[in-house]
Amino acid sequence: MEKLLYGECVTIKQRQDITRTIVHKLIAVHGNYPTKEKRRKVAGLLGDVLQLDPHIFYDEVTHEGFLVRGLENARRRLAR
């Protein structure tokens, strides 16, 4: 995380790890189905911190993004 604070680029692996951790915390705090508003706020925060477009984490129009995919995968694991 220290590298991110000094403006260095985020690797795919780092973005995946951060997204996975955030999804886990999002589920722990807001349950398996967080509201659109919660997803939008988290996507905005991730976009600001990682200096990436927040729409890659959650797009309100298409309801797709890394957060949505992470939530879907977590819910899929619950069904087992």
C-alpha atoms as a PDB file:
ATOM      1  CA  MET A   1       0.000   0.000   0.000  1.00  0.00           C
ATOM      2  CA  GLU A   2       2.943   2.308   0.630  1.00  0.00           C
ATOM      3  CA  LYS A   3       3.828   2.273  -3.085  1.00  0.00           C
ATOM      4  CA  LEU A   4       0.307   3.399  -3.946  1.00  0.00           C
ATOM      5  CA  LEU A   5       0.620   6.423  -1.701  1.00  0.00           C
ATOM      6  CA  TYR A   6       3.677   7.566  -3.617  1.00  0.00           C
ATOM      7  CA  GLY A   7       2.015   7.371  -7.032  1.00  0.00           C
ATOM      8  CA  GLU A   8       3.470   4.132  -8.371  1.00  0.00           C
ATOM      9  CA  CYS A   9       1.402   1.996 -10.734  1.00  0.00           C
ATOM     10  CA  VAL A  10      -0.798  -0.791  -9.452  1.00  0.00           C
ATOM     11  CA  THR A  11      -0.165  -4.245 -10.856  1.00  0.00           C
ATOM     12  CA  ILE A  12      -3.004  -6.574 -11.789  1.00  0.00           C
ATOM     13  CA  LYS A  13      -2.116  -8.852  -8.869  1.00  0.00           C
ATOM     14  CA  GLN A  14      -2.194  -5.927  -6.420  1.00  0.00           C
ATOM     15  CA  ARG A  15      -5.547  -4.748  -7.751  1.00  0.00           C
ATOM     16  CA  GLN A  16      -6.952  -8.278  -7.462  1.00  0.00           C
ATOM     17  CA  ASP A  17      -5.692  -8.665  -3.888  1.00  0.00           C
ATOM     18  CA  ILE A  18      -7.048  -5.279  -2.822  1.00  0.00           C
ATOM     19  CA  THR A  19     -10.411  -5.939  -4.495  1.00  0.00           C
ATOM     20  CA  ARG A  20     -10.643  -9.384  -2.863  1.00  0.00           C
ATOM     21  CA  THR A  21      -9.946  -7.895   0.572  1.00  0.00           C
ATOM     22  CA  ILE A  22     -12.460  -5.088   0.077  1.00  0.00           C
ATOM     23  CA  VAL A  23     -15.151  -7.529  -1.099  1.00  0.00           C
ATOM     24  CA  HIS A  24     -14.550  -9.682   1.979  1.00  0.00           C
ATOM     25  CA  LYS A  25     -14.910  -6.630   4.260  1.00  0.00           C
ATOM     26  CA  LEU A  26     -17.951  -5.374   2.319  1.00  0.00           C
ATOM     27  CA  ILE A  27     -19.680  -8.720   2.886  1.00  0.00           C
ATOM     28  CA  ALA A  28     -18.674  -8.802   6.560  1.00  0.00           C
ATOM     29  CA  VAL A  29     -20.102  -5.326   7.195  1.00  0.00           C
ATOM     30  CA  HIS A  30     -23.068  -5.114   4.792  1.00  0.00           C
ATOM     31  CA  GLY A  31     -23.966  -8.753   4.102  1.00  0.00           C
ATOM     32  CA  ASN A  32     -23.958 -10.731   0.836  1.00  0.00           C
ATOM     33  CA  TYR A  33     -26.093  -8.173  -1.006  1.00  0.00           C
ATOM     34  CA  PRO A  34     -24.787  -4.645  -0.294  1.00  0.00           C
ATOM     35  CA  THR A  35     -26.893  -1.843  -1.726  1.00  0.00           C
ATOM     36  CA  LYS A  36     -26.040  -0.101  -4.994  1.00  0.00           C
ATOM     37  CA  GLU A  37     -25.158   2.988  -2.999  1.00  0.00           C
ATOM     38  CA  LYS A  38     -22.622   1.071  -0.873  1.00  0.00           C
ATOM     39  CA  ARG A  39     -21.063  -0.487  -3.977  1.00  0.00           C
ATOM     40  CA  ARG A  40     -20.877   2.927  -5.666  1.00  0.00           C
ATOM     41  CA  LYS A  41     -19.177   4.522  -2.655  1.00  0.00           C
ATOM     42  CA  VAL A  42     -16.658   1.699  -2.308  1.00  0.00           C
ATOM     43  CA  ALA A  43     -15.901   1.833  -6.042  1.00  0.00           C
ATOM     44  CA  GLY A  44     -15.331   5.580  -5.787  1.00  0.00           C
ATOM     45  CA  LEU A  45     -12.993   5.130  -2.845  1.00  0.00           C
ATOM     46  CA  LEU A  46     -11.031   2.389  -4.620  1.00  0.00           C
ATOM     47  CA  GLY A  47     -10.820   4.516  -7.739  1.00  0.00           C
ATOM     48  CA  ASP A  48      -9.429   7.438  -5.741  1.00  0.00           C
ATOM     49  CA  VAL A  49      -6.926   5.381  -3.760  1.00  0.00           C
ATOM     50  CA  LEU A  50      -5.696   3.281  -6.681  1.00  0.00           C
ATOM     51  CA  GLN A  51      -5.878   6.171  -9.158  1.00  0.00           C
ATOM     52  CA  LEU A  52      -8.065   4.101 -11.490  1.00  0.00           C
ATOM     53  CA  ASP A  53     -11.464   4.717 -13.047  1.00  0.00           C
ATOM     54  CA  PRO A  54     -14.101   3.820 -10.416  1.00  0.00           C
ATOM     55  CA  HIS A  55     -16.308   2.353 -13.157  1.00  0.00           C
ATOM     56  CA  ILE A  56     -14.009  -0.669 -13.460  1.00  0.00           C
ATOM     57  CA  PHE A  57     -14.986  -1.564  -9.898  1.00  0.00           C
ATOM     58  CA  TYR A  58     -18.713  -0.860 -10.223  1.00  0.00           C
ATOM     59  CA  ASP A  59     -20.643   0.613 -13.130  1.00  0.00           C
ATOM     60  CA  GLU A  60     -24.099   1.842 -12.104  1.00  0.00           C
ATOM     61  CA  VAL A  61     -25.455   1.597 -15.651  1.00  0.00           C
ATOM     62  CA  THR A  62     -24.422  -1.973 -16.494  1.00  0.00           C
ATOM     63  CA  HIS A  63     -24.179  -3.222 -12.886  1.00  0.00           C
ATOM     64  CA  GLU A  64     -20.828  -4.826 -13.704  1.00  0.00           C
ATOM     65  CA  GLY A  65     -17.297  -4.470 -12.395  1.00  0.00           C
ATOM     66  CA  PHE A  66     -14.688  -6.082 -10.197  1.00  0.00           C
ATOM     67  CA  LEU A  67     -16.756  -5.601  -7.020  1.00  0.00           C
ATOM     68  CA  VAL A  68     -19.814  -7.202  -8.601  1.00  0.00           C
ATOM     69  CA  ARG A  69     -17.757 -10.141  -9.842  1.00  0.00           C
ATOM     70  CA  GLY A  70     -16.161 -10.568  -6.412  1.00  0.00           C
ATOM     71  CA  LEU A  71     -19.558 -10.526  -4.698  1.00  0.00           C
ATOM     72  CA  GLU A  72     -20.915 -13.073  -7.194  1.00  0.00           C
ATOM     73  CA  ASN A  73     -17.946 -15.372  -6.608  1.00  0.00           C
ATOM     74  CA  ALA A  74     -18.330 -15.103  -2.830  1.00  0.00           C
ATOM     75  CA  ARG A  75     -22.041 -15.928  -3.043  1.00  0.00           C
ATOM     76  CA  ARG A  76     -21.280 -18.866  -5.339  1.00  0.00           C
ATOM     77  CA  ARG A  77     -18.922 -20.290  -2.713  1.00  0.00           C
ATOM     78  CA  LEU A  78     -21.664 -20.002  -0.068  1.00  0.00           C
ATOM     79  CA  ALA A  79     -23.923 -22.350  -2.011  1.00  0.00           C
ATOM     80  CA  ARG A  80     -21.489 -25.246  -1.597  1.00  0.00           C
END
